[in-house]
């Protein structure tokens, strides 16, 4: 008989304490990025840690919705109504979400880069 699976309920990671020092890797990355123009490419997955559902992962497998195109939005009043109705439903899911560690790290790198540009 196979062994029972490990308990899938892992504790939620604690929010970082603002009084704690930042990891040295963040300083090293900020120094590297300060050497030139940079851009962060993350994708929607960066927000799943905040509880925002993705549209390609396993939880999305049963969804069959297709995004509305700009052309359809401006041409078709019924499409606009569907768009805004779905947005209102989605707002309930999104309204209590907030930034996570990945968002905060990108914001901090942006803040540091801007501070360096202004002081140069």
N, C-alpha and C. Protein backbone atom coordinates (compact mmCIF):
# COMPACT_ATOMS: atom_id res chain seq x y z
N UNK A 1 0.85 -1.17 0.00
CA UNK A 1 0.00 0.00 0.00
C UNK A 1 0.90 1.24 0.00
N UNK A 2 0.64 2.22 -0.90
CA UNK A 2 1.50 3.42 -0.96
C UNK A 2 1.33 4.26 0.29
N UNK A 3 2.38 5.02 0.58
CA UNK A 3 2.36 5.92 1.74
C UNK A 3 1.37 7.05 1.48
N UNK A 4 0.71 7.54 2.53
CA UNK A 4 -0.23 8.67 2.33
C UNK A 4 0.55 9.91 1.89
N UNK A 5 -0.07 10.75 1.09
CA UNK A 5 0.62 11.96 0.65
C UNK A 5 0.88 12.90 1.82
N UNK A 6 1.89 13.72 1.66
CA UNK A 6 2.17 14.72 2.68
C UNK A 6 0.99 15.65 2.81
N UNK A 7 0.89 16.30 3.96
CA UNK A 7 -0.19 17.24 4.20
C UNK A 7 -0.07 18.40 3.21
N UNK A 8 -1.04 18.56 2.30
CA UNK A 8 -0.94 19.64 1.30
C UNK A 8 -1.17 21.03 1.88
N UNK A 9 -1.68 21.10 3.09
CA UNK A 9 -1.96 22.41 3.69
C UNK A 9 -0.68 22.95 4.32
N UNK A 10 0.04 23.75 3.56
CA UNK A 10 1.25 24.37 4.07
C UNK A 10 0.89 25.72 4.66
N UNK A 11 1.61 26.14 5.71
CA UNK A 11 1.30 27.46 6.28
C UNK A 11 1.59 28.57 5.28
N UNK A 12 0.77 29.61 5.36
CA UNK A 12 0.97 30.78 4.50
C UNK A 12 2.28 31.46 4.89
N UNK A 13 3.06 31.94 3.90
CA UNK A 13 4.27 32.67 4.26
C UNK A 13 3.92 33.98 4.95
N UNK A 14 4.71 34.34 5.92
CA UNK A 14 4.48 35.58 6.66
C UNK A 14 4.84 36.78 5.80
N UNK A 15 4.13 37.87 6.00
CA UNK A 15 4.46 39.12 5.32
C UNK A 15 5.81 39.61 5.84
N UNK A 16 6.63 40.18 4.96
CA UNK A 16 7.93 40.66 5.44
C UNK A 16 7.78 41.81 6.43
N UNK A 17 8.64 41.81 7.40
CA UNK A 17 8.65 42.86 8.41
C UNK A 17 9.44 44.04 7.85
N UNK A 18 8.83 45.23 7.71
CA UNK A 18 9.55 46.38 7.15
C UNK A 18 10.79 46.75 7.95
N UNK A 19 10.85 46.35 9.21
CA UNK A 19 12.01 46.67 10.04
C UNK A 19 13.19 45.74 9.76
N UNK A 20 12.95 44.61 9.12
CA UNK A 20 14.03 43.67 8.80
C UNK A 20 14.86 44.22 7.65
N UNK A 21 16.18 43.95 7.67
CA UNK A 21 17.00 44.40 6.54
C UNK A 21 16.63 43.64 5.26
N UNK A 22 16.82 44.29 4.15
CA UNK A 22 16.52 43.65 2.87
C UNK A 22 17.59 42.62 2.55
N UNK A 23 17.22 41.62 1.76
CA UNK A 23 18.21 40.61 1.40
C UNK A 23 19.33 41.25 0.58
N UNK A 24 20.58 40.80 0.75
CA UNK A 24 21.70 41.39 0.01
C UNK A 24 21.55 41.21 -1.50
N UNK A 25 20.81 40.20 -1.92
CA UNK A 25 20.61 39.98 -3.36
C UNK A 25 19.90 41.16 -4.00
N UNK A 26 18.98 41.80 -3.25
CA UNK A 26 18.24 42.94 -3.79
C UNK A 26 19.18 44.11 -4.04
N UNK A 27 20.12 44.34 -3.12
CA UNK A 27 21.11 45.40 -3.31
C UNK A 27 21.98 45.10 -4.52
N UNK A 28 22.43 43.86 -4.66
CA UNK A 28 23.28 43.48 -5.79
C UNK A 28 22.53 43.66 -7.10
N UNK A 29 21.26 43.26 -7.13
CA UNK A 29 20.46 43.41 -8.34
C UNK A 29 20.24 44.89 -8.66
N UNK A 30 19.99 45.70 -7.65
CA UNK A 30 19.80 47.14 -7.86
C UNK A 30 21.06 47.75 -8.45
N UNK A 31 22.23 47.34 -7.97
CA UNK A 31 23.49 47.86 -8.51
C UNK A 31 23.66 47.45 -9.97
N UNK A 32 23.32 46.20 -10.28
CA UNK A 32 23.43 45.72 -11.65
C UNK A 32 22.51 46.50 -12.57
N UNK A 33 21.29 46.72 -12.13
CA UNK A 33 20.32 47.43 -12.96
C UNK A 33 20.66 48.90 -13.12
N UNK A 34 21.36 49.46 -12.14
CA UNK A 34 21.72 50.88 -12.21
C UNK A 34 22.71 51.14 -13.34
N UNK A 35 23.35 50.10 -13.83
CA UNK A 35 24.34 50.27 -14.88
C UNK A 35 23.71 50.59 -16.24
N UNK A 36 22.42 50.44 -16.40
CA UNK A 36 21.81 50.72 -17.69
C UNK A 36 20.30 50.68 -17.62
N UNK A 37 19.67 50.86 -18.78
CA UNK A 37 18.22 50.84 -18.87
C UNK A 37 17.74 49.41 -18.71
N UNK A 38 16.73 49.21 -17.92
CA UNK A 38 16.22 47.86 -17.66
C UNK A 38 14.72 47.82 -17.77
N UNK A 39 14.21 46.60 -17.83
CA UNK A 39 12.78 46.40 -17.88
C UNK A 39 12.48 45.08 -17.17
N UNK A 40 11.41 45.02 -16.41
CA UNK A 40 11.00 43.79 -15.74
C UNK A 40 9.90 43.14 -16.57
N UNK A 41 10.14 41.92 -16.99
CA UNK A 41 9.13 41.12 -17.68
C UNK A 41 8.73 39.99 -16.74
N UNK A 42 7.50 40.02 -16.29
CA UNK A 42 7.11 39.01 -15.31
C UNK A 42 5.96 38.13 -15.77
N UNK A 43 5.00 38.68 -16.42
CA UNK A 43 3.81 37.92 -16.76
C UNK A 43 2.80 37.95 -15.63
N UNK A 44 1.63 37.42 -15.90
CA UNK A 44 0.55 37.46 -14.92
C UNK A 44 0.82 36.59 -13.70
N UNK A 45 1.70 35.62 -13.83
CA UNK A 45 1.99 34.72 -12.73
C UNK A 45 2.53 35.41 -11.50
N UNK A 46 3.11 36.59 -11.65
CA UNK A 46 3.62 37.30 -10.48
C UNK A 46 2.49 37.65 -9.52
N UNK A 47 1.28 37.76 -10.01
CA UNK A 47 0.16 38.18 -9.17
C UNK A 47 -0.59 37.01 -8.54
N UNK A 48 -0.32 35.77 -8.95
CA UNK A 48 -1.04 34.65 -8.36
C UNK A 48 -0.74 34.50 -6.88
N UNK A 49 0.46 34.90 -6.45
CA UNK A 49 0.79 34.86 -5.02
C UNK A 49 -0.12 35.78 -4.21
N UNK A 50 -0.67 36.79 -4.86
CA UNK A 50 -1.60 37.70 -4.19
C UNK A 50 -3.03 37.17 -4.18
N UNK A 51 -3.24 36.02 -4.82
CA UNK A 51 -4.58 35.44 -4.87
C UNK A 51 -5.36 35.82 -6.11
N UNK A 52 -4.69 36.44 -7.07
CA UNK A 52 -5.34 36.81 -8.33
C UNK A 52 -5.25 35.61 -9.26
N UNK A 53 -6.36 35.10 -9.76
CA UNK A 53 -6.32 33.90 -10.58
C UNK A 53 -5.62 34.15 -11.92
N UNK A 54 -4.94 33.12 -12.40
CA UNK A 54 -4.33 33.24 -13.73
C UNK A 54 -5.31 32.70 -14.77
N UNK A 55 -4.96 32.84 -16.00
CA UNK A 55 -5.84 32.41 -17.07
C UNK A 55 -5.25 31.27 -17.88
N UNK A 56 -4.12 30.71 -17.45
CA UNK A 56 -3.50 29.61 -18.18
C UNK A 56 -3.13 28.43 -17.31
N UNK A 57 -3.15 28.58 -16.00
CA UNK A 57 -2.73 27.52 -15.10
C UNK A 57 -3.78 26.44 -14.97
N UNK A 58 -3.49 25.45 -14.11
CA UNK A 58 -4.41 24.32 -13.93
C UNK A 58 -5.82 24.72 -13.53
N UNK A 59 -5.97 25.76 -12.73
CA UNK A 59 -7.29 26.18 -12.29
C UNK A 59 -8.12 26.77 -13.44
N UNK A 60 -7.46 27.16 -14.52
CA UNK A 60 -8.16 27.77 -15.64
C UNK A 60 -8.55 26.77 -16.71
N UNK A 61 -8.23 25.50 -16.50
CA UNK A 61 -8.42 24.49 -17.54
C UNK A 61 -9.86 24.42 -18.04
N UNK A 62 -10.85 24.62 -17.19
CA UNK A 62 -12.24 24.50 -17.61
C UNK A 62 -12.84 25.76 -18.20
N UNK A 63 -12.11 26.85 -18.17
CA UNK A 63 -12.65 28.13 -18.68
C UNK A 63 -12.60 28.15 -20.21
N UNK A 64 -13.65 28.68 -20.81
CA UNK A 64 -13.70 28.74 -22.26
C UNK A 64 -13.90 30.17 -22.76
N UNK A 65 -13.70 31.14 -21.90
CA UNK A 65 -13.92 32.53 -22.30
C UNK A 65 -12.79 33.00 -23.22
N UNK A 66 -13.16 33.83 -24.17
CA UNK A 66 -12.15 34.46 -25.01
C UNK A 66 -12.21 35.96 -24.76
N UNK A 67 -11.06 36.60 -24.71
CA UNK A 67 -11.06 38.05 -24.47
C UNK A 67 -11.75 38.81 -25.59
N UNK A 68 -12.36 39.91 -25.23
CA UNK A 68 -12.99 40.77 -26.22
C UNK A 68 -11.91 41.57 -26.94
N UNK A 69 -12.07 41.74 -28.22
CA UNK A 69 -11.12 42.56 -28.99
C UNK A 69 -11.58 44.01 -28.97
N UNK A 70 -10.67 44.89 -29.26
CA UNK A 70 -11.01 46.31 -29.34
C UNK A 70 -12.09 46.53 -30.40
N UNK A 71 -11.91 45.89 -31.55
CA UNK A 71 -12.87 46.08 -32.65
C UNK A 71 -14.27 45.65 -32.23
N UNK A 72 -14.36 44.51 -31.53
CA UNK A 72 -15.67 44.05 -31.07
C UNK A 72 -16.25 45.01 -30.03
N UNK A 73 -15.41 45.50 -29.15
CA UNK A 73 -15.86 46.42 -28.09
C UNK A 73 -16.46 47.68 -28.69
N UNK A 74 -15.81 48.28 -29.67
CA UNK A 74 -16.31 49.54 -30.22
C UNK A 74 -17.48 49.33 -31.18
N UNK A 75 -17.59 48.13 -31.77
CA UNK A 75 -18.62 47.88 -32.76
C UNK A 75 -19.93 47.38 -32.17
N UNK A 76 -19.88 46.64 -31.05
CA UNK A 76 -21.03 45.87 -30.61
C UNK A 76 -21.45 46.25 -29.19
N UNK A 77 -22.63 46.87 -29.07
CA UNK A 77 -23.10 47.28 -27.75
C UNK A 77 -23.29 46.09 -26.82
N UNK A 78 -23.79 44.96 -27.32
CA UNK A 78 -23.98 43.77 -26.49
C UNK A 78 -22.63 43.27 -25.96
N UNK A 79 -21.59 43.35 -26.76
CA UNK A 79 -20.25 42.93 -26.32
C UNK A 79 -19.76 43.85 -25.21
N UNK A 80 -20.01 45.14 -25.34
CA UNK A 80 -19.62 46.08 -24.28
C UNK A 80 -20.36 45.76 -22.99
N UNK A 81 -21.65 45.46 -23.08
CA UNK A 81 -22.42 45.12 -21.88
C UNK A 81 -21.85 43.86 -21.20
N UNK A 82 -21.53 42.84 -22.01
CA UNK A 82 -20.93 41.62 -21.45
C UNK A 82 -19.60 41.94 -20.78
N UNK A 83 -18.80 42.78 -21.44
CA UNK A 83 -17.49 43.15 -20.90
C UNK A 83 -17.64 43.80 -19.52
N UNK A 84 -18.51 44.80 -19.42
CA UNK A 84 -18.68 45.51 -18.15
C UNK A 84 -19.34 44.63 -17.10
N UNK A 85 -20.25 43.73 -17.50
CA UNK A 85 -20.86 42.80 -16.54
C UNK A 85 -19.80 41.87 -15.97
N UNK A 86 -18.93 41.34 -16.82
CA UNK A 86 -17.86 40.47 -16.33
C UNK A 86 -16.89 41.24 -15.46
N UNK A 87 -16.63 42.50 -15.80
CA UNK A 87 -15.72 43.31 -14.99
C UNK A 87 -16.29 43.50 -13.59
N UNK A 88 -17.60 43.70 -13.49
CA UNK A 88 -18.22 43.88 -12.17
C UNK A 88 -18.12 42.60 -11.34
N UNK A 89 -18.30 41.45 -11.97
CA UNK A 89 -18.17 40.17 -11.27
C UNK A 89 -16.71 39.98 -10.84
N UNK A 90 -15.79 40.26 -11.73
CA UNK A 90 -14.37 40.11 -11.44
C UNK A 90 -13.88 41.04 -10.36
N UNK A 91 -14.50 42.19 -10.23
CA UNK A 91 -14.07 43.16 -9.22
C UNK A 91 -14.18 42.58 -7.82
N UNK A 92 -15.20 41.76 -7.58
CA UNK A 92 -15.35 41.14 -6.26
C UNK A 92 -14.15 40.26 -5.94
N UNK A 93 -13.62 39.59 -6.93
CA UNK A 93 -12.44 38.74 -6.72
C UNK A 93 -11.20 39.59 -6.48
N UNK A 94 -11.08 40.69 -7.18
CA UNK A 94 -9.87 41.50 -7.16
C UNK A 94 -9.83 42.56 -6.06
N UNK A 95 -10.96 42.99 -5.56
CA UNK A 95 -11.01 44.18 -4.71
C UNK A 95 -10.25 44.05 -3.40
N UNK A 96 -10.07 42.85 -2.89
CA UNK A 96 -9.37 42.72 -1.62
C UNK A 96 -7.93 42.23 -1.78
N UNK A 97 -7.42 42.19 -2.99
CA UNK A 97 -6.06 41.72 -3.24
C UNK A 97 -5.08 42.88 -3.09
N UNK A 98 -3.84 42.54 -2.78
CA UNK A 98 -2.82 43.55 -2.63
C UNK A 98 -1.49 43.07 -3.18
N UNK A 99 -0.51 43.94 -3.20
CA UNK A 99 0.80 43.56 -3.75
C UNK A 99 1.47 42.48 -2.90
N UNK A 100 2.30 41.68 -3.55
CA UNK A 100 3.04 40.64 -2.85
C UNK A 100 4.54 40.96 -2.91
N UNK A 101 5.35 40.04 -2.44
CA UNK A 101 6.79 40.28 -2.37
C UNK A 101 7.40 40.57 -3.74
N UNK A 102 6.94 39.91 -4.78
CA UNK A 102 7.45 40.17 -6.13
C UNK A 102 7.13 41.58 -6.60
N UNK A 103 5.88 42.01 -6.37
CA UNK A 103 5.49 43.38 -6.72
C UNK A 103 6.32 44.40 -5.95
N UNK A 104 6.49 44.14 -4.65
CA UNK A 104 7.25 45.09 -3.82
C UNK A 104 8.71 45.15 -4.24
N UNK A 105 9.29 44.02 -4.64
CA UNK A 105 10.69 44.02 -5.08
C UNK A 105 10.85 44.85 -6.35
N UNK A 106 9.95 44.69 -7.30
CA UNK A 106 10.02 45.48 -8.54
C UNK A 106 9.83 46.97 -8.23
N UNK A 107 8.88 47.29 -7.36
CA UNK A 107 8.66 48.69 -7.00
C UNK A 107 9.89 49.28 -6.32
N UNK A 108 10.53 48.51 -5.46
CA UNK A 108 11.74 48.99 -4.78
C UNK A 108 12.88 49.21 -5.77
N UNK A 109 13.04 48.29 -6.72
CA UNK A 109 14.08 48.48 -7.73
C UNK A 109 13.80 49.72 -8.57
N UNK A 110 12.53 49.93 -8.90
CA UNK A 110 12.15 51.13 -9.66
C UNK A 110 12.43 52.39 -8.84
N UNK A 111 12.09 52.34 -7.56
CA UNK A 111 12.34 53.50 -6.69
C UNK A 111 13.83 53.81 -6.63
N UNK A 112 14.64 52.78 -6.45
CA UNK A 112 16.08 52.98 -6.37
C UNK A 112 16.65 53.52 -7.67
N UNK A 113 16.18 52.98 -8.79
CA UNK A 113 16.67 53.45 -10.09
C UNK A 113 16.30 54.90 -10.30
N UNK A 114 15.07 55.28 -9.95
CA UNK A 114 14.66 56.68 -10.09
C UNK A 114 15.46 57.60 -9.20
N UNK A 115 15.75 57.15 -8.00
CA UNK A 115 16.54 57.97 -7.06
C UNK A 115 17.95 58.17 -7.61
N UNK A 116 18.52 57.15 -8.21
CA UNK A 116 19.86 57.28 -8.79
C UNK A 116 19.85 58.24 -9.97
N UNK A 117 18.82 58.15 -10.80
CA UNK A 117 18.74 59.04 -11.97
C UNK A 117 18.64 60.50 -11.54
N UNK A 118 17.84 60.74 -10.49
CA UNK A 118 17.66 62.12 -10.04
C UNK A 118 18.93 62.67 -9.39
N UNK A 119 19.73 61.78 -8.78
CA UNK A 119 20.93 62.26 -8.08
C UNK A 119 22.15 62.35 -9.03
N UNK A 120 22.05 61.82 -10.21
CA UNK A 120 23.20 61.82 -11.14
C UNK A 120 23.37 63.17 -11.82
